[in-house]
Amino acid sequence: AHMVLLQVGLGLSWDHRQMAAIANEGLARNPEDIGLYFDVVGTLLPKWGGNAKDLDDYINYATEQTKAQFGTGMYARMYSAAAEDQYGHALFEDSHANWDKMKLGYEDMFARYPNSPLRRNRFAYMACIAKDKTTLLTLLNELGSKIETSEWGPNPERSLEGCKRWATQL
């Protein structure tokens, strides 16, 4: 019900505080429904009238709220969703995403859930757009043949090739 209400609110351009309140009410009833956090992230994107500061504030808040269950992993997951929904390759230029925090979030996720090739591919893509060549090379080596192009952003085959080319340049 809360997810539907958030979709209605997005269509009616409700204030982001109102949207966060709806999500919080849903989470109070069912703390496992973490999809509500992602729904609020969607409403805070600039294309829906949000802005980078409010988005960052909310992602930090949601990361703190879910720390017991996910450590700092939600920070990485939510900024990855923001990249997917709007920012693309410009995530680190156009938002307040912090690569060091995001990297820690991914490392935290892999400590808890080590067998996740899709997320490891997304981590590699994020390392590329964050211009972290060392992390990108490490992840590409770990992935080997387990490349999932669907996790490499807009125009994924081209993104992957460009990232590989950049990573191996001297």
C-alpha atoms as a PDB file:
ATOM      1  CA  ALA A   1       0.000   0.000   0.000  1.00  0.00           C
ATOM      2  CA  HIS A   2       2.807   2.422   0.872  1.00  0.00           C
ATOM      3  CA  MET A   3       4.629   1.696  -2.376  1.00  0.00           C
ATOM      4  CA  VAL A   4       1.464   2.528  -4.349  1.00  0.00           C
ATOM      5  CA  LEU A   5       0.992   5.700  -2.325  1.00  0.00           C
ATOM      6  CA  LEU A   6       4.571   6.741  -3.148  1.00  0.00           C
ATOM      7  CA  GLN A   7       3.904   6.189  -6.863  1.00  0.00           C
ATOM      8  CA  VAL A   8       0.749   8.303  -6.635  1.00  0.00           C
ATOM      9  CA  GLY A   9       2.691  10.977  -4.746  1.00  0.00           C
ATOM     10  CA  LEU A  10       5.367  11.029  -7.434  1.00  0.00           C
ATOM     11  CA  GLY A  11       2.702  11.522 -10.097  1.00  0.00           C
ATOM     12  CA  LEU A  12       1.162  14.350  -8.091  1.00  0.00           C
ATOM     13  CA  SER A  13       4.539  15.959  -7.265  1.00  0.00           C
ATOM     14  CA  TRP A  14       4.145  15.659  -3.499  1.00  0.00           C
ATOM     15  CA  ASP A  15       6.844  17.239  -1.347  1.00  0.00           C
ATOM     16  CA  HIS A  16       9.793  14.916  -0.629  1.00  0.00           C
ATOM     17  CA  ARG A  17       9.206  15.227   3.140  1.00  0.00           C
ATOM     18  CA  GLN A  18       5.685  13.901   2.622  1.00  0.00           C
ATOM     19  CA  MET A  19       7.090  11.024   0.566  1.00  0.00           C
ATOM     20  CA  ALA A  20       9.694  10.173   3.229  1.00  0.00           C
ATOM     21  CA  ALA A  21       6.951  10.210   5.883  1.00  0.00           C
ATOM     22  CA  ILE A  22       4.898   7.699   3.859  1.00  0.00           C
ATOM     23  CA  ALA A  23       7.953   5.451   3.505  1.00  0.00           C
ATOM     24  CA  ASN A  24       8.732   5.740   7.224  1.00  0.00           C
ATOM     25  CA  GLU A  25       5.176   4.750   8.084  1.00  0.00           C
ATOM     26  CA  GLY A  26       5.477   1.699   5.837  1.00  0.00           C
ATOM     27  CA  LEU A  27       8.858   0.800   7.319  1.00  0.00           C
ATOM     28  CA  ALA A  28       7.471   1.114  10.856  1.00  0.00           C
ATOM     29  CA  ARG A  29       4.908  -1.554   9.930  1.00  0.00           C
ATOM     30  CA  ASN A  30       7.338  -3.708   7.961  1.00  0.00           C
ATOM     31  CA  PRO A  31      11.054  -2.931   8.516  1.00  0.00           C
ATOM     32  CA  GLU A  32      12.017  -5.556   5.924  1.00  0.00           C
ATOM     33  CA  ASP A  33      10.393  -3.565   3.095  1.00  0.00           C
ATOM     34  CA  ILE A  34      13.606  -1.792   2.099  1.00  0.00           C
ATOM     35  CA  GLY A  35      12.207  -1.150  -1.385  1.00  0.00           C
ATOM     36  CA  LEU A  36      10.481   1.864   0.182  1.00  0.00           C
ATOM     37  CA  TYR A  37      13.882   3.520   0.726  1.00  0.00           C
ATOM     38  CA  PHE A  38      14.631   3.109  -2.981  1.00  0.00           C
ATOM     39  CA  ASP A  39      11.234   4.521  -3.911  1.00  0.00           C
ATOM     40  CA  VAL A  40      12.016   7.686  -1.924  1.00  0.00           C
ATOM     41  CA  VAL A  41      15.445   7.925  -3.590  1.00  0.00           C
ATOM     42  CA  GLY A  42      13.621   7.980  -6.937  1.00  0.00           C
ATOM     43  CA  THR A  43      11.464  10.915  -5.808  1.00  0.00           C
ATOM     44  CA  LEU A  44      14.558  12.918  -4.803  1.00  0.00           C
ATOM     45  CA  LEU A  45      16.202  12.819  -8.224  1.00  0.00           C
ATOM     46  CA  PRO A  46      16.404  16.158 -10.039  1.00  0.00           C
ATOM     47  CA  LYS A  47      14.212  14.856 -12.875  1.00  0.00           C
ATOM     48  CA  TRP A  48      11.363  14.622 -10.323  1.00  0.00           C
ATOM     49  CA  GLY A  49      12.045  18.010  -8.723  1.00  0.00           C
ATOM     50  CA  GLY A  50      14.581  16.810  -6.161  1.00  0.00           C
ATOM     51  CA  ASN A  51      18.172  17.907  -5.755  1.00  0.00           C
ATOM     52  CA  ALA A  52      21.592  16.445  -4.977  1.00  0.00           C
ATOM     53  CA  LYS A  53      21.693  17.693  -1.362  1.00  0.00           C
ATOM     54  CA  ASP A  54      18.300  16.291  -0.348  1.00  0.00           C
ATOM     55  CA  LEU A  55      19.187  13.029  -2.081  1.00  0.00           C
ATOM     56  CA  ASP A  56      22.474  12.809  -0.186  1.00  0.00           C
ATOM     57  CA  ASP A  57      20.805  13.638   3.130  1.00  0.00           C
ATOM     58  CA  TYR A  58      18.220  10.916   2.589  1.00  0.00           C
ATOM     59  CA  ILE A  59      20.755   8.282   1.476  1.00  0.00           C
ATOM     60  CA  ASN A  60      22.848   8.986   4.575  1.00  0.00           C
ATOM     61  CA  TYR A  61      19.722   8.788   6.762  1.00  0.00           C
ATOM     62  CA  ALA A  62      18.579   5.489   5.188  1.00  0.00           C
ATOM     63  CA  THR A  63      22.092   4.028   5.501  1.00  0.00           C
ATOM     64  CA  GLU A  64      22.067   4.853   9.208  1.00  0.00           C
ATOM     65  CA  GLN A  65      18.576   3.341   9.637  1.00  0.00           C
ATOM     66  CA  THR A  66      19.618   0.055   7.996  1.00  0.00           C
ATOM     67  CA  LYS A  67      23.124  -0.210   9.476  1.00  0.00           C
ATOM     68  CA  ALA A  68      22.289  -3.133  11.800  1.00  0.00           C
ATOM     69  CA  GLN A  69      21.149  -5.249   8.862  1.00  0.00           C
ATOM     70  CA  PHE A  70      23.295  -4.005   5.968  1.00  0.00           C
ATOM     71  CA  GLY A  71      26.230  -2.102   7.471  1.00  0.00           C
ATOM     72  CA  THR A  72      27.063   0.703   5.048  1.00  0.00           C
ATOM     73  CA  GLY A  73      25.920  -1.286   2.009  1.00  0.00           C
ATOM     74  CA  MET A  74      22.746   0.735   1.502  1.00  0.00           C
ATOM     75  CA  TYR A  75      24.837   3.831   0.728  1.00  0.00           C
ATOM     76  CA  ALA A  76      26.373   2.026  -2.246  1.00  0.00           C
ATOM     77  CA  ARG A  77      23.108   0.429  -3.314  1.00  0.00           C
ATOM     78  CA  MET A  78      21.118   3.662  -3.232  1.00  0.00           C
ATOM     79  CA  TYR A  79      23.701   5.756  -5.059  1.00  0.00           C
ATOM     80  CA  SER A  80      23.983   2.965  -7.606  1.00  0.00           C
ATOM     81  CA  ALA A  81      20.204   3.198  -8.065  1.00  0.00           C
ATOM     82  CA  ALA A  82      20.498   6.987  -8.476  1.00  0.00           C
ATOM     83  CA  ALA A  83      23.135   6.442 -11.180  1.00  0.00           C
ATOM     84  CA  GLU A  84      20.838   3.939 -12.884  1.00  0.00           C
ATOM     85  CA  ASP A  85      17.760   6.192 -12.714  1.00  0.00           C
ATOM     86  CA  GLN A  86      19.344   9.503 -13.644  1.00  0.00           C
ATOM     87  CA  TYR A  87      23.028  10.321 -13.186  1.00  0.00           C
ATOM     88  CA  GLY A  88      24.704   7.598 -15.261  1.00  0.00           C
ATOM     89  CA  HIS A  89      28.414   8.206 -15.891  1.00  0.00           C
ATOM     90  CA  ALA A  90      28.131  11.655 -14.248  1.00  0.00           C
ATOM     91  CA  LEU A  91      27.176  10.321 -10.786  1.00  0.00           C
ATOM     92  CA  PHE A  92      30.289  11.674  -9.072  1.00  0.00           C
ATOM     93  CA  GLU A  93      30.151  15.020 -10.894  1.00  0.00           C
ATOM     94  CA  ASP A  94      26.436  15.789 -10.597  1.00  0.00           C
ATOM     95  CA  SER A  95      25.540  14.359  -7.172  1.00  0.00           C
ATOM     96  CA  HIS A  96      27.113  14.325  -3.708  1.00  0.00           C
ATOM     97  CA  ALA A  97      28.070  10.645  -4.010  1.00  0.00           C
ATOM     98  CA  ASN A  98      31.306  10.004  -2.123  1.00  0.00           C
ATOM     99  CA  TRP A  99      33.439   7.293  -3.709  1.00  0.00           C
ATOM    100  CA  ASP A 100      35.271   6.381  -0.486  1.00  0.00           C
ATOM    101  CA  LYS A 101      31.944   5.825   1.312  1.00  0.00           C
ATOM    102  CA  MET A 102      30.502   3.986  -1.655  1.00  0.00           C
ATOM    103  CA  LYS A 103      33.550   1.724  -1.893  1.00  0.00           C
ATOM    104  CA  LEU A 104      33.274   0.899   1.821  1.00  0.00           C
ATOM    105  CA  GLY A 105      29.595   0.135   1.286  1.00  0.00           C
ATOM    106  CA  TYR A 106      30.398  -2.348  -1.474  1.00  0.00           C
ATOM    107  CA  GLU A 107      33.133  -3.954   0.615  1.00  0.00           C
ATOM    108  CA  ASP A 108      30.679  -4.237   3.506  1.00  0.00           C
ATOM    109  CA  MET A 109      28.098  -5.879   1.211  1.00  0.00           C
ATOM    110  CA  PHE A 110      30.623  -8.423  -0.052  1.00  0.00           C
ATOM    111  CA  ALA A 111      31.710  -9.265   3.489  1.00  0.00           C
ATOM    112  CA  ARG A 112      28.055 -10.091   4.252  1.00  0.00           C
ATOM    113  CA  TYR A 113      27.043 -11.534   0.867  1.00  0.00           C
ATOM    114  CA  PRO A 114      30.228 -12.711  -0.881  1.00  0.00           C
ATOM    115  CA  ASN A 115      28.649 -14.507  -3.830  1.00  0.00           C
ATOM    116  CA  SER A 116      27.098 -11.703  -5.854  1.00  0.00           C
ATOM    117  CA  PRO A 117      28.536 -11.388  -9.381  1.00  0.00           C
ATOM    118  CA  LEU A 118      25.892  -8.837 -10.419  1.00  0.00           C
ATOM    119  CA  ARG A 119      26.805  -6.477  -7.570  1.00  0.00           C
ATOM    120  CA  ARG A 120      30.516  -7.068  -8.168  1.00  0.00           C
ATOM    121  CA  ASN A 121      29.997  -5.998 -11.798  1.00  0.00           C
ATOM    122  CA  ARG A 122      28.141  -2.882 -10.611  1.00  0.00           C
ATOM    123  CA  PHE A 123      30.988  -2.159  -8.168  1.00  0.00           C
ATOM    124  CA  ALA A 124      33.477  -2.390 -11.061  1.00  0.00           C
ATOM    125  CA  TYR A 125      31.388   0.011 -13.141  1.00  0.00           C
ATOM    126  CA  MET A 126      31.157   2.449 -10.212  1.00  0.00           C
ATOM    127  CA  ALA A 127      34.955   2.194  -9.739  1.00  0.00           C
ATOM    128  CA  CYS A 128      35.375   3.110 -13.406  1.00  0.00           C
ATOM    129  CA  ILE A 129      33.160   6.197 -13.288  1.00  0.00           C
ATOM    130  CA  ALA A 130      34.817   7.197  -9.975  1.00  0.00           C
ATOM    131  CA  LYS A 131      38.191   7.007 -11.804  1.00  0.00           C
ATOM    132  CA  ASP A 132      39.562   4.400  -9.332  1.00  0.00           C
ATOM    133  CA  LYS A 133      41.770   2.403 -11.693  1.00  0.00           C
ATOM    134  CA  THR A 134      43.276   0.160  -8.974  1.00  0.00           C
ATOM    135  CA  THR A 135      39.877  -1.004  -7.707  1.00  0.00           C
ATOM    136  CA  LEU A 136      38.566  -1.439 -11.252  1.00  0.00           C
ATOM    137  CA  LEU A 137      41.530  -3.643 -12.265  1.00  0.00           C
ATOM    138  CA  THR A 138      41.205  -5.737  -9.101  1.00  0.00           C
ATOM    139  CA  LEU A 139      37.482  -6.276  -9.724  1.00  0.00           C
ATOM    140  CA  LEU A 140      37.932  -7.083 -13.420  1.00  0.00           C
ATOM    141  CA  ASN A 141      40.531  -9.704 -12.445  1.00  0.00           C
ATOM    142  CA  GLU A 142      38.188 -11.157  -9.795  1.00  0.00           C
ATOM    143  CA  LEU A 143      35.282 -11.240 -12.239  1.00  0.00           C
ATOM    144  CA  GLY A 144      37.216 -12.962 -15.012  1.00  0.00           C
ATOM    145  CA  SER A 145      34.545 -14.414 -17.302  1.00  0.00           C
ATOM    146  CA  LYS A 146      31.681 -13.506 -14.950  1.00  0.00           C
ATOM    147  CA  ILE A 147      31.042 -10.195 -16.698  1.00  0.00           C
ATOM    148  CA  GLU A 148      27.385  -9.158 -16.623  1.00  0.00           C
ATOM    149  CA  THR A 149      27.102  -6.301 -19.098  1.00  0.00           C
ATOM    150  CA  SER A 150      23.651  -5.366 -17.757  1.00  0.00           C
ATOM    151  CA  GLU A 151      25.385  -3.847 -14.703  1.00  0.00           C
ATOM    152  CA  TRP A 152      27.615  -1.458 -16.669  1.00  0.00           C
ATOM    153  CA  GLY A 153      25.310   1.543 -16.969  1.00  0.00           C
ATOM    154  CA  PRO A 154      23.802   3.144 -20.056  1.00  0.00           C
ATOM    155  CA  ASN A 155      25.078   1.587 -23.287  1.00  0.00           C
ATOM    156  CA  PRO A 156      26.709  -1.184 -21.222  1.00  0.00           C
ATOM    157  CA  GLU A 157      28.872  -2.925 -23.844  1.00  0.00           C
ATOM    158  CA  ARG A 158      30.442   0.389 -24.773  1.00  0.00           C
ATOM    159  CA  SER A 159      30.861   1.343 -21.086  1.00  0.00           C
ATOM    160  CA  LEU A 160      32.565  -1.964 -20.319  1.00  0.00           C
ATOM    161  CA  GLU A 161      34.933  -1.689 -23.286  1.00  0.00           C
ATOM    162  CA  GLY A 162      35.783   1.933 -22.436  1.00  0.00           C
ATOM    163  CA  CYS A 163      36.429   1.028 -18.791  1.00  0.00           C
ATOM    164  CA  LYS A 164      38.641  -1.924 -19.743  1.00  0.00           C
ATOM    165  CA  ARG A 165      40.586   0.205 -22.204  1.00  0.00           C
ATOM    166  CA  TRP A 166      41.057   3.004 -19.632  1.00  0.00           C
ATOM    167  CA  ALA A 167      42.073   0.546 -16.881  1.00  0.00           C
ATOM    168  CA  THR A 168      44.845  -1.010 -18.965  1.00  0.00           C
ATOM    169  CA  GLN A 169      46.321   2.238 -20.294  1.00  0.00           C
ATOM    170  CA  LEU A 170      49.740   3.121 -18.927  1.00  0.00           C
END
